[in-house]
Amino acid sequence: MRSGEAWNLEWIDVDFDDKLVKISPEKGRSLELIKICDKHILILNTLSKNNPKIFRGPLRHLPDRLDGKGLE
């Protein structure tokens, strides 16, 4: 997932029951569904859901790619 795609995630993009995240296209890419594990669900559940967007603040705080490294 590209950092901009992660930054644009909204809570409606996360299917907690089926453990899927809908990635909106960026830079000509097509819509993508990715499977997430129980640990990622637990992490997401620690975040505030008071805003439609999952992440807030400057985009520069995210790495260029979120490829699963450092999530363990």
PDB file of N, CA and C in Angstrom:
ATOM      1  N   MET A   1       0.851  -1.163   0.000  1.00  0.00           N
ATOM      2  CA  MET A   1       0.000   0.000   0.000  1.00  0.00           C
ATOM      3  C   MET A   1       0.903   1.234   0.000  1.00  0.00           C
ATOM      4  N   ARG A   2       0.578   2.174  -0.830  1.00  0.00           N
ATOM      5  CA  ARG A   2       1.316   3.430  -0.884  1.00  0.00           C
ATOM      6  C   ARG A   2       0.919   4.296   0.312  1.00  0.00           C
ATOM      7  N   SER A   3       1.832   5.154   0.758  1.00  0.00           N
ATOM      8  CA  SER A   3       1.558   5.976   1.934  1.00  0.00           C
ATOM      9  C   SER A   3       0.339   6.875   1.724  1.00  0.00           C
ATOM     10  N   GLY A   4       0.173   7.410   0.528  1.00  0.00           N
ATOM     11  CA  GLY A   4      -0.992   8.251   0.240  1.00  0.00           C
ATOM     12  C   GLY A   4      -2.290   7.467   0.315  1.00  0.00           C
ATOM     13  N   GLU A   5      -2.248   6.220  -0.098  1.00  0.00           N
ATOM     14  CA  GLU A   5      -3.434   5.360  -0.017  1.00  0.00           C
ATOM     15  C   GLU A   5      -3.785   5.098   1.443  1.00  0.00           C
ATOM     16  N   ALA A   6      -2.759   4.848   2.265  1.00  0.00           N
ATOM     17  CA  ALA A   6      -3.003   4.639   3.700  1.00  0.00           C
ATOM     18  C   ALA A   6      -3.553   5.912   4.333  1.00  0.00           C
ATOM     19  N   TRP A   7      -2.977   7.045   3.951  1.00  0.00           N
ATOM     20  CA  TRP A   7      -3.384   8.321   4.526  1.00  0.00           C
ATOM     21  C   TRP A   7      -4.836   8.656   4.201  1.00  0.00           C
ATOM     22  N   ASN A   8      -5.324   8.181   3.071  1.00  0.00           N
ATOM     23  CA  ASN A   8      -6.701   8.467   2.659  1.00  0.00           C
ATOM     24  C   ASN A   8      -7.715   7.461   3.192  1.00  0.00           C
ATOM     25  N   LEU A   9      -7.270   6.460   3.939  1.00  0.00           N
ATOM     26  CA  LEU A   9      -8.202   5.460   4.467  1.00  0.00           C
ATOM     27  C   LEU A   9      -9.223   6.086   5.412  1.00  0.00           C
ATOM     28  N   GLU A  10     -10.441   5.620   5.272  1.00  0.00           N
ATOM     29  CA  GLU A  10     -11.513   6.025   6.169  1.00  0.00           C
ATOM     30  C   GLU A  10     -12.050   4.774   6.850  1.00  0.00           C
ATOM     31  N   TRP A  11     -12.723   4.978   7.961  1.00  0.00           N
ATOM     32  CA  TRP A  11     -13.252   3.840   8.714  1.00  0.00           C
ATOM     33  C   TRP A  11     -14.204   3.003   7.881  1.00  0.00           C
ATOM     34  N   ILE A  12     -14.924   3.614   6.943  1.00  0.00           N
ATOM     35  CA  ILE A  12     -15.848   2.842   6.110  1.00  0.00           C
ATOM     36  C   ILE A  12     -15.106   1.907   5.156  1.00  0.00           C
ATOM     37  N   ASP A  13     -13.783   2.115   4.996  1.00  0.00           N
ATOM     38  CA  ASP A  13     -12.967   1.250   4.139  1.00  0.00           C
ATOM     39  C   ASP A  13     -12.541  -0.039   4.837  1.00  0.00           C
ATOM     40  N   VAL A  14     -12.762  -0.132   6.143  1.00  0.00           N
ATOM     41  CA  VAL A  14     -12.317  -1.291   6.916  1.00  0.00           C
ATOM     42  C   VAL A  14     -13.516  -2.189   7.226  1.00  0.00           C
ATOM     43  N   ASP A  15     -13.400  -3.437   6.816  1.00  0.00           N
ATOM     44  CA  ASP A  15     -14.404  -4.450   7.132  1.00  0.00           C
ATOM     45  C   ASP A  15     -13.818  -5.302   8.261  1.00  0.00           C
ATOM     46  N   PHE A  16     -14.204  -4.975   9.489  1.00  0.00           N
ATOM     47  CA  PHE A  16     -13.647  -5.657  10.661  1.00  0.00           C
ATOM     48  C   PHE A  16     -14.074  -7.122  10.724  1.00  0.00           C
ATOM     49  N   ASP A  17     -15.264  -7.437  10.240  1.00  0.00           N
ATOM     50  CA  ASP A  17     -15.754  -8.818  10.294  1.00  0.00           C
ATOM     51  C   ASP A  17     -14.983  -9.740   9.354  1.00  0.00           C
ATOM     52  N   ASP A  18     -14.770  -9.288   8.129  1.00  0.00           N
ATOM     53  CA  ASP A  18     -14.063 -10.105   7.137  1.00  0.00           C
ATOM     54  C   ASP A  18     -12.564  -9.823   7.089  1.00  0.00           C
ATOM     55  N   LYS A  19     -12.113  -8.871   7.919  1.00  0.00           N
ATOM     56  CA  LYS A  19     -10.692  -8.497   8.014  1.00  0.00           C
ATOM     57  C   LYS A  19     -10.140  -8.054   6.664  1.00  0.00           C
ATOM     58  N   LEU A  20     -10.842  -7.121   6.039  1.00  0.00           N
ATOM     59  CA  LEU A  20     -10.437  -6.576   4.743  1.00  0.00           C
ATOM     60  C   LEU A  20     -10.365  -5.062   4.808  1.00  0.00           C
ATOM     61  N   VAL A  21      -9.461  -4.506   4.015  1.00  0.00           N
ATOM     62  CA  VAL A  21      -9.369  -3.058   3.863  1.00  0.00           C
ATOM     63  C   VAL A  21      -9.479  -2.748   2.378  1.00  0.00           C
ATOM     64  N   LYS A  22     -10.364  -1.816   2.047  1.00  0.00           N
ATOM     65  CA  LYS A  22     -10.544  -1.375   0.658  1.00  0.00           C
ATOM     66  C   LYS A  22      -9.593  -0.215   0.411  1.00  0.00           C
ATOM     67  N   ILE A  23      -8.700  -0.385  -0.546  1.00  0.00           N
ATOM     68  CA  ILE A  23      -7.719   0.633  -0.900  1.00  0.00           C
ATOM     69  C   ILE A  23      -8.229   1.380  -2.125  1.00  0.00           C
ATOM     70  N   SER A  24      -8.458   2.671  -1.959  1.00  0.00           N
ATOM     71  CA  SER A  24      -8.892   3.501  -3.091  1.00  0.00           C
ATOM     72  C   SER A  24      -7.715   3.734  -4.014  1.00  0.00           C
ATOM     73  N   PRO A  25      -7.989   3.760  -5.323  1.00  0.00           N
ATOM     74  CA  PRO A  25      -6.901   3.891  -6.296  1.00  0.00           C
ATOM     75  C   PRO A  25      -6.123   5.198  -6.161  1.00  0.00           C
ATOM     76  N   GLU A  26      -4.834   5.109  -6.400  1.00  0.00           N
ATOM     77  CA  GLU A  26      -3.957   6.273  -6.444  1.00  0.00           C
ATOM     78  C   GLU A  26      -3.028   6.092  -7.634  1.00  0.00           C
ATOM     79  N   LYS A  27      -2.802   7.150  -8.346  1.00  0.00           N
ATOM     80  CA  LYS A  27      -1.863   7.150  -9.476  1.00  0.00           C
ATOM     81  C   LYS A  27      -2.194   6.081 -10.516  1.00  0.00           C
ATOM     82  N   GLY A  28      -3.457   5.994 -10.911  1.00  0.00           N
ATOM     83  CA  GLY A  28      -3.852   5.100 -11.981  1.00  0.00           C
ATOM     84  C   GLY A  28      -4.029   3.649 -11.585  1.00  0.00           C
ATOM     85  N   ARG A  29      -3.898   3.342 -10.314  1.00  0.00           N
ATOM     86  CA  ARG A  29      -4.064   1.959  -9.866  1.00  0.00           C
ATOM     87  C   ARG A  29      -5.554   1.646  -9.759  1.00  0.00           C
ATOM     88  N   SER A  30      -5.878   0.369  -9.680  1.00  0.00           N
ATOM     89  CA  SER A  30      -7.278  -0.041  -9.569  1.00  0.00           C
ATOM     90  C   SER A  30      -7.628  -0.314  -8.102  1.00  0.00           C
ATOM     91  N   LEU A  31      -8.915  -0.339  -7.816  1.00  0.00           N
ATOM     92  CA  LEU A  31      -9.405  -0.625  -6.475  1.00  0.00           C
ATOM     93  C   LEU A  31      -8.848  -1.962  -6.002  1.00  0.00           C
ATOM     94  N   GLU A  32      -8.446  -2.012  -4.758  1.00  0.00           N
ATOM     95  CA  GLU A  32      -7.812  -3.220  -4.240  1.00  0.00           C
ATOM     96  C   GLU A  32      -8.361  -3.534  -2.850  1.00  0.00           C
ATOM     97  N   LEU A  33      -8.563  -4.804  -2.572  1.00  0.00           N
ATOM     98  CA  LEU A  33      -8.933  -5.267  -1.239  1.00  0.00           C
ATOM     99  C   LEU A  33      -7.750  -6.029  -0.672  1.00  0.00           C
ATOM    100  N   ILE A  34      -7.350  -5.682   0.545  1.00  0.00           N
ATOM    101  CA  ILE A  34      -6.263  -6.422   1.172  1.00  0.00           C
ATOM    102  C   ILE A  34      -6.757  -7.041   2.474  1.00  0.00           C
ATOM    103  N   LYS A  35      -6.255  -8.210   2.753  1.00  0.00           N
ATOM    104  CA  LYS A  35      -6.588  -8.941   3.973  1.00  0.00           C
ATOM    105  C   LYS A  35      -5.667  -8.456   5.085  1.00  0.00           C
ATOM    106  N   ILE A  36      -6.229  -8.247   6.273  1.00  0.00           N
ATOM    107  CA  ILE A  36      -5.412  -7.865   7.423  1.00  0.00           C
ATOM    108  C   ILE A  36      -5.578  -8.919   8.517  1.00  0.00           C
ATOM    109  N   CYS A  37      -4.587  -8.994   9.379  1.00  0.00           N
ATOM    110  CA  CYS A  37      -4.594 -10.025  10.417  1.00  0.00           C
ATOM    111  C   CYS A  37      -5.238  -9.498  11.699  1.00  0.00           C
ATOM    112  N   ASP A  38      -5.420 -10.391  12.649  1.00  0.00           N
ATOM    113  CA  ASP A  38      -6.029 -10.031  13.930  1.00  0.00           C
ATOM    114  C   ASP A  38      -5.239  -8.940  14.649  1.00  0.00           C
ATOM    115  N   LYS A  39      -3.916  -8.983  14.541  1.00  0.00           N
ATOM    116  CA  LYS A  39      -3.090  -7.965  15.197  1.00  0.00           C
ATOM    117  C   LYS A  39      -3.383  -6.574  14.640  1.00  0.00           C
ATOM    118  N   HIS A  40      -3.576  -6.484  13.338  1.00  0.00           N
ATOM    119  CA  HIS A  40      -3.890  -5.183  12.731  1.00  0.00           C
ATOM    120  C   HIS A  40      -5.271  -4.703  13.162  1.00  0.00           C
ATOM    121  N   ILE A  41      -6.204  -5.631  13.304  1.00  0.00           N
ATOM    122  CA  ILE A  41      -7.542  -5.282  13.801  1.00  0.00           C
ATOM    123  C   ILE A  41      -7.427  -4.715  15.216  1.00  0.00           C
ATOM    124  N   LEU A  42      -6.624  -5.363  16.057  1.00  0.00           N
ATOM    125  CA  LEU A  42      -6.433  -4.872  17.425  1.00  0.00           C
ATOM    126  C   LEU A  42      -5.831  -3.468  17.430  1.00  0.00           C
ATOM    127  N   ILE A  43      -4.838  -3.240  16.565  1.00  0.00           N
ATOM    128  CA  ILE A  43      -4.206  -1.921  16.481  1.00  0.00           C
ATOM    129  C   ILE A  43      -5.223  -0.878  16.032  1.00  0.00           C
ATOM    130  N   LEU A  44      -5.988  -1.183  14.991  1.00  0.00           N
ATOM    131  CA  LEU A  44      -7.002  -0.240  14.511  1.00  0.00           C
ATOM    132  C   LEU A  44      -8.029   0.069  15.591  1.00  0.00           C
ATOM    133  N   ASN A  45      -8.365  -0.923  16.385  1.00  0.00           N
ATOM    134  CA  ASN A  45      -9.363  -0.713  17.441  1.00  0.00           C
ATOM    135  C   ASN A  45      -8.856   0.171  18.572  1.00  0.00           C
ATOM    136  N   THR A  46      -7.546   0.446  18.627  1.00  0.00           N
ATOM    137  CA  THR A  46      -7.025   1.356  19.642  1.00  0.00           C
ATOM    138  C   THR A  46      -7.124   2.815  19.197  1.00  0.00           C
ATOM    139  N   LEU A  47      -7.386   3.032  17.912  1.00  0.00           N
ATOM    140  CA  LEU A  47      -7.442   4.391  17.373  1.00  0.00           C
ATOM    141  C   LEU A  47      -8.826   5.001  17.560  1.00  0.00           C
ATOM    142  N   SER A  48      -8.845   6.317  17.684  1.00  0.00           N
ATOM    143  CA  SER A  48     -10.103   7.046  17.836  1.00  0.00           C
ATOM    144  C   SER A  48     -10.916   6.972  16.541  1.00  0.00           C
ATOM    145  N   LYS A  49     -12.201   6.786  16.704  1.00  0.00           N
ATOM    146  CA  LYS A  49     -13.099   6.732  15.544  1.00  0.00           C
ATOM    147  C   LYS A  49     -13.988   7.973  15.485  1.00  0.00           C
ATOM    148  N   ASN A  50     -13.509   9.082  16.062  1.00  0.00           N
ATOM    149  CA  ASN A  50     -14.262  10.337  16.080  1.00  0.00           C
ATOM    150  C   ASN A  50     -14.176  11.102  14.775  1.00  0.00           C
ATOM    151  N   ASN A  51     -13.359  10.638  13.857  1.00  0.00           N
ATOM    152  CA  ASN A  51     -13.149  11.300  12.579  1.00  0.00           C
ATOM    153  C   ASN A  51     -13.374  10.255  11.488  1.00  0.00           C
ATOM    154  N   PRO A  52     -13.938  10.638  10.333  1.00  0.00           N
ATOM    155  CA  PRO A  52     -14.119   9.643   9.258  1.00  0.00           C
ATOM    156  C   PRO A  52     -12.795   9.052   8.768  1.00  0.00           C
ATOM    157  N   LYS A  53     -11.718   9.852   8.803  1.00  0.00           N
ATOM    158  CA  LYS A  53     -10.410   9.362   8.358  1.00  0.00           C
ATOM    159  C   LYS A  53      -9.718   8.643   9.505  1.00  0.00           C
ATOM    160  N   ILE A  54      -8.969   7.591   9.173  1.00  0.00           N
ATOM    161  CA  ILE A  54      -8.261   6.817  10.187  1.00  0.00           C
ATOM    162  C   ILE A  54      -7.043   7.577  10.694  1.00  0.00           C
ATOM    163  N   PHE A  55      -6.258   8.155   9.778  1.00  0.00           N
ATOM    164  CA  PHE A  55      -5.031   8.848  10.145  1.00  0.00           C
ATOM    165  C   PHE A  55      -5.196  10.341   9.949  1.00  0.00           C
ATOM    166  N   ARG A  56      -4.568  11.106  10.848  1.00  0.00           N
ATOM    167  CA  ARG A  56      -4.583  12.563  10.747  1.00  0.00           C
ATOM    168  C   ARG A  56      -3.176  13.083  10.988  1.00  0.00           C
ATOM    169  N   GLY A  57      -2.942  14.318  10.645  1.00  0.00           N
ATOM    170  CA  GLY A  57      -1.630  14.921  10.822  1.00  0.00           C
ATOM    171  C   GLY A  57      -0.884  14.944   9.503  1.00  0.00           C
ATOM    172  N   PRO A  58       0.383  15.377   9.538  1.00  0.00           N
ATOM    173  CA  PRO A  58       1.170  15.484   8.304  1.00  0.00           C
ATOM    174  C   PRO A  58       1.465  14.117   7.684  1.00  0.00           C
ATOM    175  N   LEU A  59       1.281  14.030   6.388  1.00  0.00           N
ATOM    176  CA  LEU A  59       1.542  12.795   5.649  1.00  0.00           C
ATOM    177  C   LEU A  59       3.007  12.382   5.758  1.00  0.00           C
ATOM    178  N   ARG A  60       3.905  13.315   5.958  1.00  0.00           N
ATOM    179  CA  ARG A  60       5.342  12.996   5.994  1.00  0.00           C
ATOM    180  C   ARG A  60       5.705  12.047   7.139  1.00  0.00           C
ATOM    181  N   HIS A  61       4.799  11.829   8.085  1.00  0.00           N
ATOM    182  CA  HIS A  61       5.081  10.921   9.195  1.00  0.00           C
ATOM    183  C   HIS A  61       4.960   9.460   8.805  1.00  0.00           C
ATOM    184  N   LEU A  62       4.394   9.179   7.632  1.00  0.00           N
ATOM    185  CA  LEU A  62       4.299   7.799   7.151  1.00  0.00           C
ATOM    186  C   LEU A  62       5.459   7.498   6.210  1.00  0.00           C
ATOM    187  N   PRO A  63       5.952   6.256   6.202  1.00  0.00           N
ATOM    188  CA  PRO A  63       6.978   5.894   5.219  1.00  0.00           C
ATOM    189  C   PRO A  63       6.384   5.898   3.813  1.00  0.00           C
ATOM    190  N   ASP A  64       7.239   5.881   2.795  1.00  0.00           N
ATOM    191  CA  ASP A  64       6.769   5.908   1.408  1.00  0.00           C
ATOM    192  C   ASP A  64       5.910   4.710   1.063  1.00  0.00           C
ATOM    193  N   ARG A  65       6.219   3.555   1.644  1.00  0.00           N
ATOM    194  CA  ARG A  65       5.429   2.337   1.402  1.00  0.00           C
ATOM    195  C   ARG A  65       5.179   1.651   2.725  1.00  0.00           C
ATOM    196  N   LEU A  66       3.976   1.128   2.863  1.00  0.00           N
ATOM    197  CA  LEU A  66       3.642   0.318   4.036  1.00  0.00           C
ATOM    198  C   LEU A  66       3.553  -1.117   3.553  1.00  0.00           C
ATOM    199  N   ASP A  67       4.652  -1.846   3.680  1.00  0.00           N
ATOM    200  CA  ASP A  67       4.717  -3.186   3.117  1.00  0.00           C
ATOM    201  C   ASP A  67       4.716  -4.269   4.198  1.00  0.00           C
ATOM    202  N   GLY A  68       4.298  -3.906   5.397  1.00  0.00           N
ATOM    203  CA  GLY A  68       4.248  -4.883   6.466  1.00  0.00           C
ATOM    204  C   GLY A  68       5.484  -4.907   7.333  1.00  0.00           C
ATOM    205  N   LYS A  69       6.561  -4.280   6.902  1.00  0.00           N
ATOM    206  CA  LYS A  69       7.787  -4.255   7.704  1.00  0.00           C
ATOM    207  C   LYS A  69       7.558  -3.373   8.923  1.00  0.00           C
ATOM    208  N   GLY A  70       7.966  -3.858  10.056  1.00  0.00           N
ATOM    209  CA  GLY A  70       7.822  -3.084  11.287  1.00  0.00           C
ATOM    210  C   GLY A  70       6.453  -3.217  11.924  1.00  0.00           C
ATOM    211  N   LEU A  71       5.588  -4.020  11.355  1.00  0.00           N
ATOM    212  CA  LEU A  71       4.256  -4.176  11.927  1.00  0.00           C
ATOM    213  C   LEU A  71       4.181  -5.370  12.866  1.00  0.00           C
ATOM    214  N   GLU A  72       5.260  -6.096  12.987  1.00  0.00           N
ATOM    215  CA  GLU A  72       5.241  -7.289  13.830  1.00  0.00           C
ATOM    216  C   GLU A  72       5.678  -6.979  15.241  1.00  0.00           C
TER     217      GLU A  72
END
